[in-house]
Structure formats: structure tokens, C-alpha cells
Amino acid sequence: MSVTDDPLTPALSRRRRLFRAAAVLVALVAIGIGAVFGSQLGSDPTLVDSPLIGRPAPELTLPLLEGPGEVSLAELRGQVVVVNFWASWCVACREEHAALVGAAEQYRNAGVTFVGIDYQDTTSGAVGFLDELGRGGDNYRYVTDTGSRAALEFGLFGVPETFLIDRDGTIVSKITGASTLPLLAGAVDAVLAGWRPGTQSGGPVQPAPGAPLVGDG
């Protein structure tokens, strides 16, 4: 009997074809998975949408940076609140400072309060920063984050990061990196109109003093 006459040959041939098809399928799946993971490597982790958007803002009470007193986020309910995490050692914070002060002045009579939370900083360094670059008006409060509690509550990755809270006390937007006046104004206008701007990027952030910048830009 020749090989071609073997009744088992068609079955073996079909098995081989199935094995080859399965191998190709596995390879394609592996390539696809690799492409997905590969696309994530080196991407900006700060551009992932904040899980806090759409959730109530943390009910934090933080001490003022200068002088006695404190600021309670819960007591600011009914206003639009812009929470900005910054530090004197943060290069991008220096770049965005004028935009924050300008935006605070622009929305001074619109029921918008700015809260600048000083992160992993010294009091002298933070006060020196404000002495050099200027302070916002009476609707801009500067506070300290003792023990980095606020940073933990907001899921901070680095500075600067800015969160917008609507009148109901819900976090509706996050700006990663240095804000600009047009970016801030656009976000604040959207919140005042009742919208949720979501996550936006102004550039890279700095996770800690002396750490390299992380993110796009």
C-alpha cells in the first residue's frame, strides 16, 4: 500500500492544517498583545483619566501657608473651586504661576475660589516663591499639605496638577502639568456652564524634589 493510499493520511493532513492554523492564531494574538503593551511603554501615565472625576471632592481642611487659620473644601461648596498643587522646587509651577494668578483675578467676581496646595515643600521656600512671583487676591488661598494627605486624597502623581470642583462639590476636571491662561479659562468657563471638561494636559509634571520631569512636552 502506498502512502497516498493510507486511509489515515487525510486525517493526519487535516490535523496538520488545524495545528498550523492554531499556531498562526496564537502568533497573531501574541503580536496583538505585544502591540498593546508596547504602546503603553513610555506613554505618559499622567494622562490616564483621573478616577476622581465625577466623584465628590475630598473633605479636607488644610492650614494656611501664612498666618493662622485654615481652609475647608467642604465650606467652599456653592462655589467653583480650582485646586492647584504646587511647590517652590517645581520648575513648571513657576511657569504657570502668572496664569493662575491671572485666572483668579479674571474670575474674582464669578464665584470662583482658587486654593493653592503647597506640596512637599518648606514654608520658607514656598513663601519665598510667592514673594518673588506674587500672590493672588482675596479669592486665592495658599495652604500647606502636612503629611501629604491632600496629595494622597487627590491621587497626585506630581506637580503641578490642577483640579476643578463644581458648585456641588464634585471633581469635574484635572489639568496635568503647567496650566496656561487659555487652558484654565476654558476649563473654568466650562464648569461655570455646568459641563465636565475631564482630563487635560498642559505638559509634564515633577513627582518629587530633584526628580526628573515625567510626561509629555
C-alpha atoms as a PDB file:
ATOM      1  CA  MET A   1       0.000   0.000   0.000  1.00  0.00           C
ATOM      2  CA  SER A   2       1.398   3.403  -0.920  1.00  0.00           C
ATOM      3  CA  VAL A   3       1.442   6.354   1.423  1.00  0.00           C
ATOM      4  CA  THR A   4      -1.222   8.065  -0.629  1.00  0.00           C
ATOM      5  CA  ASP A   5      -3.430   5.023  -0.233  1.00  0.00           C
ATOM      6  CA  ASP A   6      -3.158   5.136   3.591  1.00  0.00           C
ATOM      7  CA  PRO A   7      -6.666   5.889   4.918  1.00  0.00           C
ATOM      8  CA  LEU A   8      -5.088   7.745   7.864  1.00  0.00           C
ATOM      9  CA  THR A   9      -3.334  10.269   5.620  1.00  0.00           C
ATOM     10  CA  PRO A  10      -6.350  12.622   5.080  1.00  0.00           C
ATOM     11  CA  ALA A  11      -6.975  12.725   8.839  1.00  0.00           C
ATOM     12  CA  LEU A  12      -3.313  13.462   9.571  1.00  0.00           C
ATOM     13  CA  SER A  13      -3.341  16.151   6.911  1.00  0.00           C
ATOM     14  CA  ARG A  14      -6.389  17.768   8.449  1.00  0.00           C
ATOM     15  CA  ARG A  15      -4.728  17.714  11.879  1.00  0.00           C
ATOM     16  CA  ARG A  16      -1.601  19.324  10.494  1.00  0.00           C
ATOM     17  CA  ARG A  17      -3.705  22.068   8.890  1.00  0.00           C
ATOM     18  CA  LEU A  18      -5.534  22.630  12.168  1.00  0.00           C
ATOM     19  CA  PHE A  19      -2.257  22.791  14.107  1.00  0.00           C
ATOM     20  CA  ARG A  20      -0.833  25.278  11.607  1.00  0.00           C
ATOM     21  CA  ALA A  21      -3.977  27.427  11.808  1.00  0.00           C
ATOM     22  CA  ALA A  22      -3.874  27.326  15.598  1.00  0.00           C
ATOM     23  CA  ALA A  23      -0.203  28.289  15.606  1.00  0.00           C
ATOM     24  CA  VAL A  24      -0.888  31.240  13.315  1.00  0.00           C
ATOM     25  CA  LEU A  25      -3.785  32.328  15.523  1.00  0.00           C
ATOM     26  CA  VAL A  26      -1.646  32.140  18.667  1.00  0.00           C
ATOM     27  CA  ALA A  27       1.076  34.146  16.958  1.00  0.00           C
ATOM     28  CA  LEU A  28      -1.383  36.827  15.880  1.00  0.00           C
ATOM     29  CA  VAL A  29      -2.805  37.070  19.390  1.00  0.00           C
ATOM     30  CA  ALA A  30       0.692  37.339  20.834  1.00  0.00           C
ATOM     31  CA  ILE A  31       1.580  40.074  18.379  1.00  0.00           C
ATOM     32  CA  GLY A  32      -1.601  41.940  19.236  1.00  0.00           C
ATOM     33  CA  ILE A  33      -0.964  41.714  22.967  1.00  0.00           C
ATOM     34  CA  GLY A  34       2.604  42.814  22.453  1.00  0.00           C
ATOM     35  CA  ALA A  35       1.472  45.789  20.442  1.00  0.00           C
ATOM     36  CA  VAL A  36      -0.950  46.856  23.171  1.00  0.00           C
ATOM     37  CA  PHE A  37       1.633  46.586  25.952  1.00  0.00           C
ATOM     38  CA  GLY A  38       4.291  48.087  23.739  1.00  0.00           C
ATOM     39  CA  SER A  39       2.136  51.099  23.056  1.00  0.00           C
ATOM     40  CA  GLN A  40       1.817  51.679  26.805  1.00  0.00           C
ATOM     41  CA  LEU A  41       5.545  51.581  27.467  1.00  0.00           C
ATOM     42  CA  GLY A  42       6.934  55.061  27.554  1.00  0.00           C
ATOM     43  CA  SER A  43       3.478  56.620  27.450  1.00  0.00           C
ATOM     44  CA  ASP A  44       2.542  59.366  29.854  1.00  0.00           C
ATOM     45  CA  PRO A  45       0.987  57.815  32.988  1.00  0.00           C
ATOM     46  CA  THR A  46      -0.369  61.202  33.993  1.00  0.00           C
ATOM     47  CA  LEU A  47      -2.699  61.321  31.000  1.00  0.00           C
ATOM     48  CA  VAL A  48      -4.840  58.480  32.326  1.00  0.00           C
ATOM     49  CA  ASP A  49      -8.237  59.878  33.241  1.00  0.00           C
ATOM     50  CA  SER A  50      -8.429  60.592  36.943  1.00  0.00           C
ATOM     51  CA  PRO A  51     -10.780  58.141  38.680  1.00  0.00           C
ATOM     52  CA  LEU A  52     -11.866  61.065  40.863  1.00  0.00           C
ATOM     53  CA  ILE A  53     -13.642  62.888  38.031  1.00  0.00           C
ATOM     54  CA  GLY A  54     -17.346  62.681  38.715  1.00  0.00           C
ATOM     55  CA  ARG A  55     -16.801  61.940  42.405  1.00  0.00           C
ATOM     56  CA  PRO A  56     -17.179  64.218  45.444  1.00  0.00           C
ATOM     57  CA  ALA A  57     -14.061  66.189  46.330  1.00  0.00           C
ATOM     58  CA  PRO A  58     -12.231  65.044  49.473  1.00  0.00           C
ATOM     59  CA  GLU A  59     -13.488  66.876  52.558  1.00  0.00           C
ATOM     60  CA  LEU A  60     -10.140  68.292  53.575  1.00  0.00           C
ATOM     61  CA  THR A  61      -9.281  71.081  55.974  1.00  0.00           C
ATOM     62  CA  LEU A  62      -5.778  72.440  55.452  1.00  0.00           C
ATOM     63  CA  PRO A  63      -3.769  75.079  57.365  1.00  0.00           C
ATOM     64  CA  LEU A  64      -2.985  78.359  55.683  1.00  0.00           C
ATOM     65  CA  LEU A  65       0.579  78.730  54.455  1.00  0.00           C
ATOM     66  CA  GLU A  66       0.935  82.160  56.005  1.00  0.00           C
ATOM     67  CA  GLY A  67      -0.564  83.092  59.330  1.00  0.00           C
ATOM     68  CA  PRO A  68      -3.197  81.348  61.438  1.00  0.00           C
ATOM     69  CA  GLY A  69      -6.341  79.854  60.011  1.00  0.00           C
ATOM     70  CA  GLU A  70      -7.329  77.062  57.676  1.00  0.00           C
ATOM     71  CA  VAL A  71      -9.309  76.319  54.532  1.00  0.00           C
ATOM     72  CA  SER A  72     -12.075  73.733  54.376  1.00  0.00           C
ATOM     73  CA  LEU A  73     -13.027  72.458  50.939  1.00  0.00           C
ATOM     74  CA  ALA A  74     -16.436  71.480  52.271  1.00  0.00           C
ATOM     75  CA  GLU A  75     -17.115  75.080  53.324  1.00  0.00           C
ATOM     76  CA  LEU A  76     -16.447  76.242  49.763  1.00  0.00           C
ATOM     77  CA  ARG A  77     -19.458  74.294  48.498  1.00  0.00           C
ATOM     78  CA  GLY A  78     -21.583  76.504  46.268  1.00  0.00           C
ATOM     79  CA  GLN A  79     -18.533  77.964  44.527  1.00  0.00           C
ATOM     80  CA  VAL A  80     -16.394  76.676  41.692  1.00  0.00           C
ATOM     81  CA  VAL A  81     -13.060  75.739  43.264  1.00  0.00           C
ATOM     82  CA  VAL A  82      -9.734  75.484  41.449  1.00  0.00           C
ATOM     83  CA  VAL A  83      -7.312  73.332  43.458  1.00  0.00           C
ATOM     84  CA  ASN A  84      -3.708  73.661  42.319  1.00  0.00           C
ATOM     85  CA  PHE A  85      -0.875  71.522  43.710  1.00  0.00           C
ATOM     86  CA  TRP A  86       2.455  73.360  43.503  1.00  0.00           C
ATOM     87  CA  ALA A  87       5.889  73.649  45.107  1.00  0.00           C
ATOM     88  CA  SER A  88       8.731  76.149  45.133  1.00  0.00           C
ATOM     89  CA  TRP A  89      11.116  73.497  43.721  1.00  0.00           C
ATOM     90  CA  CYS A  90       8.829  72.791  40.755  1.00  0.00           C
ATOM     91  CA  VAL A  91      10.015  74.400  37.513  1.00  0.00           C
ATOM     92  CA  ALA A  92       6.654  74.042  35.750  1.00  0.00           C
ATOM     93  CA  CYS A  93       4.907  75.632  38.754  1.00  0.00           C
ATOM     94  CA  ARG A  94       6.994  78.736  38.187  1.00  0.00           C
ATOM     95  CA  GLU A  95       5.953  78.720  34.516  1.00  0.00           C
ATOM     96  CA  GLU A  96       2.227  78.536  35.272  1.00  0.00           C
ATOM     97  CA  HIS A  97       2.076  80.864  38.280  1.00  0.00           C
ATOM     98  CA  ALA A  98       1.190  84.019  36.357  1.00  0.00           C
ATOM     99  CA  ALA A  99      -1.638  82.166  34.570  1.00  0.00           C
ATOM    100  CA  LEU A 100      -3.124  81.025  37.884  1.00  0.00           C
ATOM    101  CA  VAL A 101      -2.956  84.488  39.416  1.00  0.00           C
ATOM    102  CA  GLY A 102      -4.400  85.998  36.245  1.00  0.00           C
ATOM    103  CA  ALA A 103      -7.257  83.485  36.142  1.00  0.00           C
ATOM    104  CA  ALA A 104      -8.052  84.114  39.803  1.00  0.00           C
ATOM    105  CA  GLU A 105      -8.312  87.846  39.086  1.00  0.00           C
ATOM    106  CA  GLN A 106     -10.383  87.239  35.960  1.00  0.00           C
ATOM    107  CA  TYR A 107     -12.971  85.160  37.861  1.00  0.00           C
ATOM    108  CA  ARG A 108     -12.799  87.104  41.106  1.00  0.00           C
ATOM    109  CA  ASN A 109     -16.452  88.173  40.909  1.00  0.00           C
ATOM    110  CA  ALA A 110     -17.765  84.968  39.320  1.00  0.00           C
ATOM    111  CA  GLY A 111     -17.902  82.815  42.441  1.00  0.00           C
ATOM    112  CA  VAL A 112     -14.606  81.054  41.762  1.00  0.00           C
ATOM    113  CA  THR A 113     -12.093  80.366  44.535  1.00  0.00           C
ATOM    114  CA  PHE A 114      -8.521  79.209  43.988  1.00  0.00           C
ATOM    115  CA  VAL A 115      -6.749  77.006  46.536  1.00  0.00           C
ATOM    116  CA  GLY A 116      -3.003  76.545  46.110  1.00  0.00           C
ATOM    117  CA  ILE A 117      -1.793  73.464  47.987  1.00  0.00           C
ATOM    118  CA  ASP A 118       1.950  73.563  48.682  1.00  0.00           C
ATOM    119  CA  TYR A 119       3.362  70.047  48.225  1.00  0.00           C
ATOM    120  CA  GLN A 120       6.448  68.512  49.905  1.00  0.00           C
ATOM    121  CA  ASP A 121       7.960  71.927  50.437  1.00  0.00           C
ATOM    122  CA  THR A 122       9.433  74.124  53.152  1.00  0.00           C
ATOM    123  CA  THR A 123       7.474  77.085  54.448  1.00  0.00           C
ATOM    124  CA  SER A 124      10.382  79.404  53.755  1.00  0.00           C
ATOM    125  CA  GLY A 125      10.738  78.088  50.209  1.00  0.00           C
ATOM    126  CA  ALA A 126       7.014  78.453  49.486  1.00  0.00           C
ATOM    127  CA  VAL A 127       6.783  81.959  50.964  1.00  0.00           C
ATOM    128  CA  GLY A 128       9.921  82.986  49.061  1.00  0.00           C
ATOM    129  CA  PHE A 129       8.327  81.697  45.844  1.00  0.00           C
ATOM    130  CA  LEU A 130       5.246  83.873  46.439  1.00  0.00           C
ATOM    131  CA  ASP A 131       7.344  86.867  47.484  1.00  0.00           C
ATOM    132  CA  GLU A 132       9.176  86.633  44.172  1.00  0.00           C
ATOM    133  CA  LEU A 133       6.307  85.831  41.797  1.00  0.00           C
ATOM    134  CA  GLY A 134       3.362  87.409  43.561  1.00  0.00           C
ATOM    135  CA  ARG A 135       0.163  86.268  45.234  1.00  0.00           C
ATOM    136  CA  GLY A 136      -3.401  86.027  44.086  1.00  0.00           C
ATOM    137  CA  GLY A 137      -6.153  88.219  45.527  1.00  0.00           C
ATOM    138  CA  ASP A 138      -8.640  87.516  48.284  1.00  0.00           C
ATOM    139  CA  ASN A 139     -10.182  84.616  46.327  1.00  0.00           C
ATOM    140  CA  TYR A 140      -6.823  82.793  46.261  1.00  0.00           C
ATOM    141  CA  ARG A 141      -5.893  80.801  49.386  1.00  0.00           C
ATOM    142  CA  TYR A 142      -2.480  79.225  49.865  1.00  0.00           C
ATOM    143  CA  VAL A 143      -2.348  76.210  52.187  1.00  0.00           C
ATOM    144  CA  THR A 144       0.131  73.532  53.218  1.00  0.00           C
ATOM    145  CA  ASP A 145      -0.305  69.776  52.846  1.00  0.00           C
ATOM    146  CA  THR A 146       1.056  68.373  56.089  1.00  0.00           C
ATOM    147  CA  GLY A 147       1.790  64.673  55.712  1.00  0.00           C
ATOM    148  CA  SER A 148       0.793  64.859  52.025  1.00  0.00           C
ATOM    149  CA  ARG A 149      -2.744  63.921  52.989  1.00  0.00           C
ATOM    150  CA  ALA A 150      -4.336  66.066  50.287  1.00  0.00           C
ATOM    151  CA  ALA A 151      -1.954  64.657  47.679  1.00  0.00           C
ATOM    152  CA  LEU A 152      -2.992  61.136  48.630  1.00  0.00           C
ATOM    153  CA  GLU A 153      -6.705  62.001  48.607  1.00  0.00           C
ATOM    154  CA  PHE A 154      -6.442  63.546  45.140  1.00  0.00           C
ATOM    155  CA  GLY A 155      -4.211  60.772  43.767  1.00  0.00           C
ATOM    156  CA  LEU A 156      -1.468  63.253  42.927  1.00  0.00           C
ATOM    157  CA  PHE A 157       1.233  61.976  40.558  1.00  0.00           C
ATOM    158  CA  GLY A 158       3.387  65.102  40.573  1.00  0.00           C
ATOM    159  CA  VAL A 159       3.301  68.877  40.415  1.00  0.00           C
ATOM    160  CA  PRO A 160       1.792  70.897  39.007  1.00  0.00           C
ATOM    161  CA  GLU A 161      -1.653  69.350  38.842  1.00  0.00           C
ATOM    162  CA  THR A 162      -4.893  71.282  38.948  1.00  0.00           C
ATOM    163  CA  PHE A 163      -8.369  70.011  39.805  1.00  0.00           C
ATOM    164  CA  LEU A 164     -11.660  71.832  39.223  1.00  0.00           C
ATOM    165  CA  ILE A 165     -14.563  71.276  41.591  1.00  0.00           C
ATOM    166  CA  ASP A 166     -18.083  72.356  40.648  1.00  0.00           C
ATOM    167  CA  ARG A 167     -20.608  74.109  42.882  1.00  0.00           C
ATOM    168  CA  ASP A 168     -21.960  70.764  44.107  1.00  0.00           C
ATOM    169  CA  GLY A 169     -18.527  69.714  45.354  1.00  0.00           C
ATOM    170  CA  THR A 170     -17.836  67.258  42.525  1.00  0.00           C
ATOM    171  CA  ILE A 171     -14.443  66.983  40.822  1.00  0.00           C
ATOM    172  CA  VAL A 172     -15.124  67.657  37.147  1.00  0.00           C
ATOM    173  CA  SER A 173     -11.723  68.355  35.621  1.00  0.00           C
ATOM    174  CA  LYS A 174      -7.999  67.740  36.008  1.00  0.00           C
ATOM    175  CA  ILE A 175      -5.189  69.610  34.276  1.00  0.00           C
ATOM    176  CA  THR A 176      -1.861  67.806  34.332  1.00  0.00           C
ATOM    177  CA  GLY A 177       1.271  69.916  34.039  1.00  0.00           C
ATOM    178  CA  ALA A 178       1.655  73.663  33.681  1.00  0.00           C
ATOM    179  CA  SER A 179      -1.622  75.455  33.012  1.00  0.00           C
ATOM    180  CA  THR A 180      -1.936  78.414  30.675  1.00  0.00           C
ATOM    181  CA  LEU A 181      -4.489  81.187  30.986  1.00  0.00           C
ATOM    182  CA  PRO A 182      -6.465  79.998  27.915  1.00  0.00           C
ATOM    183  CA  LEU A 183      -6.465  76.424  29.248  1.00  0.00           C
ATOM    184  CA  LEU A 184      -7.594  77.496  32.711  1.00  0.00           C
ATOM    185  CA  ALA A 185     -10.173  79.958  31.419  1.00  0.00           C
ATOM    186  CA  GLY A 186     -11.635  77.369  29.063  1.00  0.00           C
ATOM    187  CA  ALA A 187     -11.946  74.831  31.880  1.00  0.00           C
ATOM    188  CA  VAL A 188     -13.442  77.319  34.345  1.00  0.00           C
ATOM    189  CA  ASP A 189     -15.921  78.605  31.756  1.00  0.00           C
ATOM    190  CA  ALA A 190     -16.999  75.035  31.053  1.00  0.00           C
ATOM    191  CA  VAL A 191     -17.552  74.314  34.752  1.00  0.00           C
ATOM    192  CA  LEU A 192     -19.467  77.560  35.244  1.00  0.00           C
ATOM    193  CA  ALA A 193     -21.685  76.469  32.337  1.00  0.00           C
ATOM    194  CA  GLY A 194     -22.367  73.143  34.053  1.00  0.00           C
ATOM    195  CA  TRP A 195     -20.081  70.951  31.943  1.00  0.00           C
ATOM    196  CA  ARG A 196     -17.382  68.477  32.926  1.00  0.00           C
ATOM    197  CA  PRO A 197     -14.171  69.233  30.992  1.00  0.00           C
ATOM    198  CA  GLY A 198     -12.488  65.996  32.115  1.00  0.00           C
ATOM    199  CA  THR A 199      -8.741  65.392  31.919  1.00  0.00           C
ATOM    200  CA  GLN A 200      -6.473  67.759  30.016  1.00  0.00           C
ATOM    201  CA  SER A 201      -2.712  68.109  29.694  1.00  0.00           C
ATOM    202  CA  GLY A 202      -0.555  71.182  29.963  1.00  0.00           C
ATOM    203  CA  GLY A 203       2.741  69.295  29.968  1.00  0.00           C
ATOM    204  CA  PRO A 204       4.982  67.167  32.198  1.00  0.00           C
ATOM    205  CA  VAL A 205       4.981  67.007  35.988  1.00  0.00           C
ATOM    206  CA  GLN A 206       7.662  66.567  38.633  1.00  0.00           C
ATOM    207  CA  PRO A 207       6.915  63.750  41.116  1.00  0.00           C
ATOM    208  CA  ALA A 208       9.278  64.920  43.888  1.00  0.00           C
ATOM    209  CA  PRO A 209      12.059  67.425  44.676  1.00  0.00           C
ATOM    210  CA  GLY A 210      15.029  66.719  42.405  1.00  0.00           C
ATOM    211  CA  ALA A 211      13.097  64.145  40.357  1.00  0.00           C
ATOM    212  CA  PRO A 212      13.094  64.376  36.549  1.00  0.00           C
ATOM    213  CA  LEU A 213      10.032  65.575  34.698  1.00  0.00           C
ATOM    214  CA  VAL A 214       7.559  62.906  33.671  1.00  0.00           C
ATOM    215  CA  GLY A 215       5.024  63.124  30.871  1.00  0.00           C
ATOM    216  CA  ASP A 216       4.603  64.776  27.507  1.00  0.00           C
ATOM    217  CA  GLY A 217       6.095  68.042  26.403  1.00  0.00           C
END
